[in-house]
Amino acid sequence: MHKLIIGAAIAAVTLGSAVSASVSPTQYSGHELAKDAKITLNQARSVALKARPGRIMDQELEREAGGSGLRYSFDVVSKGKTTEVGIDAMTGKVLENGAESVAKENRENREKAQETKPKQ
């Protein structure tokens, strides 16, 4: 019985770590644009993971050229590599499914840093 309890505790800690390593389905930048989207975040996550099985590490809803101009963008880790998967927020079509460019990743990191920077 004691071994069973210890095993369950270890499994719970391991599962908790795996879950916390990926992004929550409710956390994303651009959520204020969701009112304009026909596809929900959860629907887009499902399409993205079918296109690129793995673990979603970052997600956002953004206005970007291509498709309807409104897309969900997911960073999906699969086999140790990060891939950006873009899903059209109006049609649910996969717009992008490839390695994220270094330039785009750097721009996104700068934008995120500006968002979290305290205003003076």
Protein backbone atom coordinates (compact mmCIF):
# COMPACT_ATOMS: atom_id res chain seq x y z
CA MET A 1 0.00 0.00 0.00
CA HIS A 2 2.84 2.36 0.91
CA LYS A 3 4.51 1.77 -2.49
CA LEU A 4 1.22 2.50 -4.25
CA ILE A 5 0.85 5.85 -2.48
CA ILE A 6 4.45 6.83 -3.27
CA GLY A 7 3.97 5.81 -6.91
CA ALA A 8 0.81 7.88 -7.16
CA ALA A 9 2.57 10.89 -5.61
CA ILE A 10 5.46 10.62 -8.06
CA ALA A 11 3.05 10.34 -10.99
CA ALA A 12 1.13 13.40 -9.81
CA VAL A 13 4.30 15.49 -9.51
CA THR A 14 5.55 14.33 -12.91
CA LEU A 15 2.21 15.05 -14.59
CA GLY A 16 2.00 18.44 -12.89
CA SER A 17 5.45 19.34 -14.21
CA ALA A 18 4.55 18.31 -17.75
CA VAL A 19 1.35 20.31 -17.68
CA SER A 20 3.00 23.43 -16.26
CA ALA A 21 5.69 23.27 -18.95
CA SER A 22 3.13 23.92 -21.67
CA VAL A 23 0.88 26.94 -21.99
CA SER A 24 -2.62 26.99 -20.53
CA PRO A 25 -5.43 26.86 -23.11
CA THR A 26 -6.78 30.13 -21.70
CA GLN A 27 -3.56 32.18 -21.71
CA TYR A 28 -2.77 34.01 -24.90
CA SER A 29 -1.98 37.45 -26.18
CA GLY A 30 -4.47 39.02 -28.53
CA HIS A 31 -7.49 37.64 -26.66
CA GLU A 32 -9.21 40.98 -27.22
CA LEU A 33 -9.42 40.04 -30.94
CA ALA A 34 -11.37 36.85 -30.18
CA LYS A 35 -14.67 38.68 -30.68
CA ASP A 36 -13.73 39.05 -34.37
CA ALA A 37 -12.81 35.36 -34.87
CA LYS A 38 -15.19 32.67 -36.10
CA ILE A 39 -12.90 29.88 -34.86
CA THR A 40 -12.38 29.55 -31.10
CA LEU A 41 -8.97 29.17 -29.50
CA ASN A 42 -9.75 25.56 -28.58
CA GLN A 43 -10.80 24.73 -32.15
CA ALA A 44 -7.62 26.33 -33.49
CA ARG A 45 -5.48 24.43 -30.94
CA SER A 46 -7.05 21.18 -32.11
CA VAL A 47 -6.34 21.96 -35.79
CA ALA A 48 -2.76 23.01 -34.96
CA LEU A 49 -2.04 19.82 -33.03
CA LYS A 50 -3.43 17.69 -35.86
CA ALA A 51 -1.15 19.52 -38.30
CA ARG A 52 1.85 19.31 -35.96
CA PRO A 53 1.52 16.86 -33.06
CA GLY A 54 3.45 18.01 -30.02
CA ARG A 55 3.10 20.39 -27.10
CA ILE A 56 1.93 23.99 -27.47
CA MET A 57 4.37 26.29 -25.71
CA ASP A 58 3.04 29.67 -26.81
CA GLN A 59 -0.12 30.91 -28.48
CA GLU A 60 -1.52 34.19 -29.69
CA LEU A 61 -4.24 35.69 -31.81
CA GLU A 62 -2.92 38.35 -34.15
CA ARG A 63 -3.61 40.38 -37.23
CA GLU A 64 -1.15 39.24 -39.87
CA ALA A 65 -1.06 39.18 -43.66
CA GLY A 66 -2.30 36.03 -45.32
CA GLY A 67 -5.63 34.27 -45.17
CA SER A 68 -8.34 36.40 -43.60
CA GLY A 69 -5.75 38.57 -41.86
CA LEU A 70 -6.63 37.22 -38.41
CA ARG A 71 -4.76 34.16 -37.24
CA TYR A 72 -3.97 32.06 -34.24
CA SER A 73 -0.27 31.40 -34.01
CA PHE A 74 1.10 28.48 -31.98
CA ASP A 75 4.66 27.51 -31.12
CA VAL A 76 4.57 23.72 -31.03
CA VAL A 77 7.47 21.67 -29.71
CA SER A 78 7.77 18.34 -31.48
CA LYS A 79 10.78 16.03 -31.46
CA GLY A 80 12.86 18.74 -29.76
CA LYS A 81 12.16 21.38 -32.42
CA THR A 82 9.87 24.40 -32.26
CA THR A 83 7.52 24.90 -35.16
CA GLU A 84 5.13 27.77 -35.74
CA VAL A 85 1.66 26.70 -36.78
CA GLY A 86 -0.68 29.43 -38.01
CA ILE A 87 -4.44 28.82 -38.16
CA ASP A 88 -6.80 31.22 -39.91
CA ALA A 89 -9.18 32.51 -37.22
CA MET A 90 -12.04 32.82 -39.70
CA THR A 91 -11.80 29.56 -41.67
CA GLY A 92 -9.72 27.19 -39.51
CA LYS A 93 -7.31 26.53 -42.39
CA VAL A 94 -3.62 25.90 -41.69
CA LEU A 95 -1.73 28.91 -43.02
CA GLU A 96 1.72 28.07 -41.70
CA ASN A 97 3.42 24.93 -40.45
CA GLY A 98 7.17 25.37 -40.36
CA ALA A 99 10.18 26.59 -38.47
CA GLU A 100 9.78 30.06 -37.06
CA SER A 101 12.25 32.51 -38.56
CA VAL A 102 14.83 33.94 -36.18
CA ALA A 103 13.88 37.49 -37.20
CA LYS A 104 10.21 36.92 -36.43
CA GLU A 105 11.00 35.24 -33.13
CA ASN A 106 13.25 38.16 -32.10
CA ARG A 107 10.52 40.66 -33.04
CA GLU A 108 7.93 38.76 -31.02
CA ASN A 109 10.25 38.60 -28.01
CA ARG A 110 10.81 42.39 -28.19
CA GLU A 111 7.04 42.98 -28.41
CA LYS A 112 6.39 40.74 -25.41
CA ALA A 113 9.08 42.54 -23.42
CA GLN A 114 7.41 45.88 -24.23
CA GLU A 115 4.02 44.53 -23.12
CA THR A 116 5.36 43.49 -19.73
CA LYS A 117 7.47 46.60 -19.19
CA PRO A 118 5.96 48.91 -16.53
CA LYS A 119 4.60 52.16 -17.98
CA GLN A 120 6.14 55.36 -16.67
